[in-house]
Amino acid sequence: TCGATHETEERVVQVRLRDFEVPMSGGFYLVEYMEELEEFFDIGKEIVCYSDPQDLADKIRYYLENEDQREEIRKAGYERAVRNHTWHKRFEMAFREMGMGS
């Protein structure tokens, strides 16, 4: 099952709603890396990704000790989410793709 993929070698990773909700709500977002996220955010500038448990622990320590950098990334993630990832923007894009928008 998708909920237990962390327990096996066969990882199932996918973009989820929370990948937008956390930055949209103004949170600092630290998430497991998946290539697809690069379509939506500038990794390292708007959100932060980790590659394995040790990388996660290292980044947690680093960003807890570097509040200014963490805050800069948090703000950039929020601004990107508000600018590009609202439901309004998504529907505009979908309608445009379907030839129903201007």
N, C-alpha and C. Protein backbone atom coordinates (compact mmCIF):
# COMPACT_ATOMS: atom_id res chain seq x y z
N THR A 1 0.84 -1.19 0.00
CA THR A 1 0.00 0.00 0.00
C THR A 1 0.88 1.25 0.00
N CYS A 2 0.32 2.33 -0.48
CA CYS A 2 1.09 3.58 -0.53
C CYS A 2 1.49 4.05 0.86
N GLY A 3 0.66 3.82 1.84
CA GLY A 3 0.95 4.30 3.19
C GLY A 3 2.09 3.58 3.88
N ALA A 4 2.51 2.44 3.34
CA ALA A 4 3.58 1.67 3.97
C ALA A 4 4.82 1.58 3.09
N THR A 5 4.92 2.39 2.06
CA THR A 5 6.06 2.27 1.14
C THR A 5 7.38 2.60 1.81
N HIS A 6 7.36 3.34 2.91
CA HIS A 6 8.61 3.64 3.61
C HIS A 6 9.22 2.39 4.23
N GLU A 7 8.45 1.32 4.32
CA GLU A 7 8.93 0.08 4.93
C GLU A 7 9.55 -0.88 3.92
N THR A 8 9.51 -0.54 2.64
CA THR A 8 10.03 -1.44 1.61
C THR A 8 11.03 -0.70 0.73
N GLU A 9 11.67 -1.45 -0.15
CA GLU A 9 12.60 -0.84 -1.11
C GLU A 9 11.85 -0.21 -2.28
N GLU A 10 10.59 -0.56 -2.49
CA GLU A 10 9.79 -0.05 -3.59
C GLU A 10 9.04 1.20 -3.14
N ARG A 11 9.69 2.34 -3.28
CA ARG A 11 9.12 3.61 -2.83
C ARG A 11 8.09 4.11 -3.83
N VAL A 12 6.99 4.60 -3.33
CA VAL A 12 5.99 5.27 -4.15
C VAL A 12 5.95 6.71 -3.66
N VAL A 13 6.46 7.62 -4.47
CA VAL A 13 6.43 9.03 -4.10
C VAL A 13 5.65 9.77 -5.17
N GLN A 14 4.87 10.72 -4.73
CA GLN A 14 4.06 11.50 -5.65
C GLN A 14 3.76 12.85 -5.01
N VAL A 15 3.52 13.83 -5.86
CA VAL A 15 3.14 15.15 -5.36
C VAL A 15 1.77 15.03 -4.70
N ARG A 16 1.67 15.62 -3.52
CA ARG A 16 0.43 15.57 -2.75
C ARG A 16 -0.06 16.99 -2.47
N LEU A 17 -1.28 17.08 -2.05
CA LEU A 17 -1.86 18.38 -1.75
C LEU A 17 -1.06 19.11 -0.67
N ARG A 18 -0.54 18.37 0.31
CA ARG A 18 0.23 19.01 1.38
C ARG A 18 1.48 19.70 0.86
N ASP A 19 1.99 19.25 -0.31
CA ASP A 19 3.17 19.90 -0.90
C ASP A 19 2.88 21.35 -1.27
N PHE A 20 1.61 21.69 -1.38
CA PHE A 20 1.19 23.06 -1.63
C PHE A 20 0.60 23.70 -0.38
N GLU A 21 -0.09 22.91 0.43
CA GLU A 21 -0.74 23.45 1.63
C GLU A 21 0.25 24.01 2.64
N VAL A 22 1.36 23.33 2.84
CA VAL A 22 2.33 23.80 3.84
C VAL A 22 2.92 25.15 3.43
N PRO A 23 3.48 25.27 2.21
CA PRO A 23 3.97 26.60 1.82
C PRO A 23 2.85 27.65 1.77
N MET A 24 1.67 27.26 1.30
CA MET A 24 0.55 28.21 1.18
C MET A 24 0.13 28.74 2.55
N SER A 25 0.30 27.92 3.59
CA SER A 25 -0.08 28.36 4.93
C SER A 25 1.07 29.09 5.63
N GLY A 26 2.19 29.24 4.92
CA GLY A 26 3.31 29.99 5.48
C GLY A 26 4.31 29.16 6.25
N GLY A 27 4.23 27.84 6.11
CA GLY A 27 5.16 26.97 6.82
C GLY A 27 6.45 26.73 6.06
N PHE A 28 7.52 26.47 6.78
CA PHE A 28 8.78 26.03 6.18
C PHE A 28 8.57 24.57 5.81
N TYR A 29 8.80 24.22 4.54
CA TYR A 29 8.49 22.87 4.08
C TYR A 29 9.76 22.08 3.79
N LEU A 30 9.95 21.00 4.55
CA LEU A 30 11.05 20.07 4.40
C LEU A 30 10.43 18.73 4.05
N VAL A 31 10.70 18.24 2.86
CA VAL A 31 10.00 17.07 2.33
C VAL A 31 10.97 16.15 1.60
N GLU A 32 10.62 14.89 1.51
CA GLU A 32 11.45 13.95 0.75
C GLU A 32 11.52 14.38 -0.71
N TYR A 33 12.72 14.31 -1.27
CA TYR A 33 12.91 14.74 -2.66
C TYR A 33 12.17 13.84 -3.63
N MET A 34 11.52 14.48 -4.59
CA MET A 34 10.99 13.79 -5.76
C MET A 34 11.13 14.77 -6.92
N GLU A 35 11.56 14.26 -8.03
CA GLU A 35 11.85 15.10 -9.19
C GLU A 35 10.67 15.98 -9.59
N GLU A 36 9.48 15.46 -9.46
CA GLU A 36 8.27 16.18 -9.85
C GLU A 36 8.11 17.52 -9.12
N LEU A 37 8.62 17.61 -7.89
CA LEU A 37 8.51 18.86 -7.13
C LEU A 37 9.22 20.02 -7.83
N GLU A 38 10.22 19.70 -8.64
CA GLU A 38 10.97 20.74 -9.35
C GLU A 38 10.11 21.48 -10.37
N GLU A 39 8.98 20.89 -10.76
CA GLU A 39 8.05 21.56 -11.67
C GLU A 39 7.30 22.70 -10.96
N PHE A 40 7.24 22.63 -9.63
CA PHE A 40 6.39 23.54 -8.87
C PHE A 40 7.16 24.51 -7.97
N PHE A 41 8.34 24.10 -7.50
CA PHE A 41 9.11 24.92 -6.57
C PHE A 41 10.59 24.89 -6.93
N ASP A 42 11.29 25.94 -6.54
CA ASP A 42 12.74 25.99 -6.67
C ASP A 42 13.30 25.35 -5.39
N ILE A 43 13.79 24.12 -5.54
CA ILE A 43 14.29 23.35 -4.41
C ILE A 43 15.50 24.07 -3.79
N GLY A 44 15.46 24.22 -2.48
CA GLY A 44 16.55 24.88 -1.78
C GLY A 44 16.35 26.37 -1.62
N LYS A 45 15.42 26.94 -2.39
CA LYS A 45 15.12 28.36 -2.29
C LYS A 45 13.68 28.62 -1.84
N GLU A 46 12.77 27.70 -2.18
CA GLU A 46 11.36 27.86 -1.81
C GLU A 46 10.86 26.73 -0.91
N ILE A 47 11.43 25.57 -1.06
CA ILE A 47 11.21 24.44 -0.16
C ILE A 47 12.55 23.71 -0.04
N VAL A 48 12.66 22.81 0.93
CA VAL A 48 13.89 22.04 1.12
C VAL A 48 13.53 20.57 1.04
N CYS A 49 14.39 19.81 0.37
CA CYS A 49 14.17 18.36 0.24
C CYS A 49 15.32 17.58 0.87
N TYR A 50 15.00 16.40 1.33
CA TYR A 50 16.01 15.49 1.86
C TYR A 50 16.00 14.20 1.06
N SER A 51 17.09 13.45 1.11
CA SER A 51 17.21 12.25 0.30
C SER A 51 17.16 10.94 1.10
N ASP A 52 17.49 11.00 2.38
CA ASP A 52 17.48 9.79 3.21
C ASP A 52 17.38 10.23 4.67
N PRO A 53 17.19 9.28 5.60
CA PRO A 53 17.03 9.66 7.00
C PRO A 53 18.18 10.50 7.57
N GLN A 54 19.42 10.20 7.21
CA GLN A 54 20.54 10.98 7.72
C GLN A 54 20.51 12.41 7.17
N ASP A 55 20.19 12.55 5.88
CA ASP A 55 20.07 13.87 5.28
C ASP A 55 18.96 14.66 5.95
N LEU A 56 17.86 14.01 6.27
CA LEU A 56 16.75 14.65 6.97
C LEU A 56 17.21 15.17 8.33
N ALA A 57 17.88 14.33 9.10
CA ALA A 57 18.36 14.73 10.42
C ALA A 57 19.35 15.90 10.32
N ASP A 58 20.25 15.82 9.34
CA ASP A 58 21.23 16.90 9.14
C ASP A 58 20.54 18.21 8.79
N LYS A 59 19.54 18.15 7.93
CA LYS A 59 18.84 19.38 7.52
C LYS A 59 17.98 19.94 8.63
N ILE A 60 17.39 19.08 9.43
CA ILE A 60 16.62 19.56 10.59
C ILE A 60 17.54 20.35 11.51
N ARG A 61 18.69 19.76 11.85
CA ARG A 61 19.64 20.46 12.71
C ARG A 61 20.09 21.77 12.09
N TYR A 62 20.44 21.72 10.81
CA TYR A 62 20.95 22.91 10.12
C TYR A 62 19.92 24.04 10.14
N TYR A 63 18.69 23.75 9.76
CA TYR A 63 17.69 24.82 9.66
C TYR A 63 17.19 25.29 11.02
N LEU A 64 17.27 24.44 12.05
CA LEU A 64 16.96 24.92 13.40
C LEU A 64 18.02 25.90 13.88
N GLU A 65 19.25 25.70 13.45
CA GLU A 65 20.34 26.58 13.85
C GLU A 65 20.49 27.82 12.96
N ASN A 66 19.84 27.83 11.80
CA ASN A 66 19.97 28.92 10.83
C ASN A 66 18.60 29.52 10.53
N GLU A 67 18.07 30.21 11.53
CA GLU A 67 16.71 30.74 11.46
C GLU A 67 16.52 31.73 10.31
N ASP A 68 17.50 32.58 10.05
CA ASP A 68 17.36 33.56 8.98
C ASP A 68 17.20 32.89 7.62
N GLN A 69 18.00 31.88 7.37
CA GLN A 69 17.90 31.16 6.09
C GLN A 69 16.58 30.40 6.01
N ARG A 70 16.20 29.77 7.11
CA ARG A 70 14.92 29.05 7.16
C ARG A 70 13.77 30.01 6.87
N GLU A 71 13.81 31.19 7.45
CA GLU A 71 12.75 32.17 7.26
C GLU A 71 12.72 32.67 5.81
N GLU A 72 13.88 32.86 5.21
CA GLU A 72 13.95 33.30 3.82
C GLU A 72 13.30 32.26 2.89
N ILE A 73 13.59 31.00 3.12
CA ILE A 73 13.01 29.91 2.31
C ILE A 73 11.51 29.82 2.56
N ARG A 74 11.11 29.94 3.81
CA ARG A 74 9.67 29.88 4.15
C ARG A 74 8.90 30.97 3.42
N LYS A 75 9.42 32.19 3.45
CA LYS A 75 8.75 33.30 2.78
C LYS A 75 8.70 33.10 1.27
N ALA A 76 9.80 32.64 0.69
CA ALA A 76 9.84 32.42 -0.76
C ALA A 76 8.85 31.33 -1.16
N GLY A 77 8.73 30.28 -0.36
CA GLY A 77 7.77 29.21 -0.64
C GLY A 77 6.34 29.72 -0.58
N TYR A 78 6.07 30.54 0.41
CA TYR A 78 4.73 31.14 0.52
C TYR A 78 4.42 32.01 -0.69
N GLU A 79 5.36 32.87 -1.05
CA GLU A 79 5.14 33.77 -2.19
C GLU A 79 4.92 32.99 -3.47
N ARG A 80 5.69 31.93 -3.68
CA ARG A 80 5.52 31.11 -4.88
C ARG A 80 4.16 30.42 -4.88
N ALA A 81 3.76 29.88 -3.74
CA ALA A 81 2.48 29.19 -3.65
C ALA A 81 1.32 30.15 -3.93
N VAL A 82 1.37 31.33 -3.36
CA VAL A 82 0.31 32.31 -3.57
C VAL A 82 0.29 32.79 -5.03
N ARG A 83 1.46 32.95 -5.60
CA ARG A 83 1.59 33.45 -6.97
C ARG A 83 1.17 32.41 -8.01
N ASN A 84 1.52 31.15 -7.80
CA ASN A 84 1.34 30.15 -8.86
C ASN A 84 0.46 28.96 -8.52
N HIS A 85 0.18 28.71 -7.27
CA HIS A 85 -0.43 27.42 -6.93
C HIS A 85 -1.77 27.52 -6.21
N THR A 86 -2.52 28.57 -6.45
CA THR A 86 -3.87 28.65 -5.88
C THR A 86 -4.83 27.83 -6.75
N TRP A 87 -5.97 27.49 -6.18
CA TRP A 87 -6.98 26.78 -6.97
C TRP A 87 -7.41 27.63 -8.16
N HIS A 88 -7.52 28.92 -7.95
CA HIS A 88 -7.91 29.83 -9.03
C HIS A 88 -6.93 29.70 -10.21
N LYS A 89 -5.63 29.73 -9.91
CA LYS A 89 -4.61 29.60 -10.96
C LYS A 89 -4.71 28.24 -11.65
N ARG A 90 -4.93 27.20 -10.88
CA ARG A 90 -5.03 25.85 -11.45
C ARG A 90 -6.23 25.74 -12.41
N PHE A 91 -7.38 26.29 -11.99
CA PHE A 91 -8.55 26.23 -12.87
C PHE A 91 -8.35 27.07 -14.12
N GLU A 92 -7.74 28.24 -13.98
CA GLU A 92 -7.44 29.07 -15.16
C GLU A 92 -6.59 28.28 -16.14
N MET A 93 -5.56 27.61 -15.65
CA MET A 93 -4.67 26.84 -16.50
C MET A 93 -5.42 25.68 -17.16
N ALA A 94 -6.25 24.98 -16.40
CA ALA A 94 -7.01 23.85 -16.94
C ALA A 94 -7.97 24.32 -18.02
N PHE A 95 -8.67 25.41 -17.77
CA PHE A 95 -9.61 25.93 -18.77
C PHE A 95 -8.89 26.39 -20.03
N ARG A 96 -7.73 27.00 -19.86
CA ARG A 96 -6.93 27.45 -20.99
C ARG A 96 -6.51 26.25 -21.84
N GLU A 97 -6.05 25.19 -21.15
CA GLU A 97 -5.63 23.96 -21.84
C GLU A 97 -6.79 23.33 -22.62
N MET A 98 -8.00 23.48 -22.10
CA MET A 98 -9.18 22.92 -22.76
C MET A 98 -9.75 23.86 -23.81
N GLY A 99 -9.10 25.01 -23.99
CA GLY A 99 -9.58 25.99 -24.97
C GLY A 99 -10.80 26.76 -24.49
N MET A 100 -10.98 26.85 -23.17
CA MET A 100 -12.16 27.50 -22.62
C MET A 100 -11.82 28.84 -21.94
N GLY A 101 -10.59 29.26 -22.05
CA GLY A 101 -10.21 30.50 -21.39
C GLY A 101 -9.59 31.46 -22.38
N SER A 102 -9.25 32.63 -21.87
CA SER A 102 -8.65 33.62 -22.75
C SER A 102 -7.14 33.54 -22.71
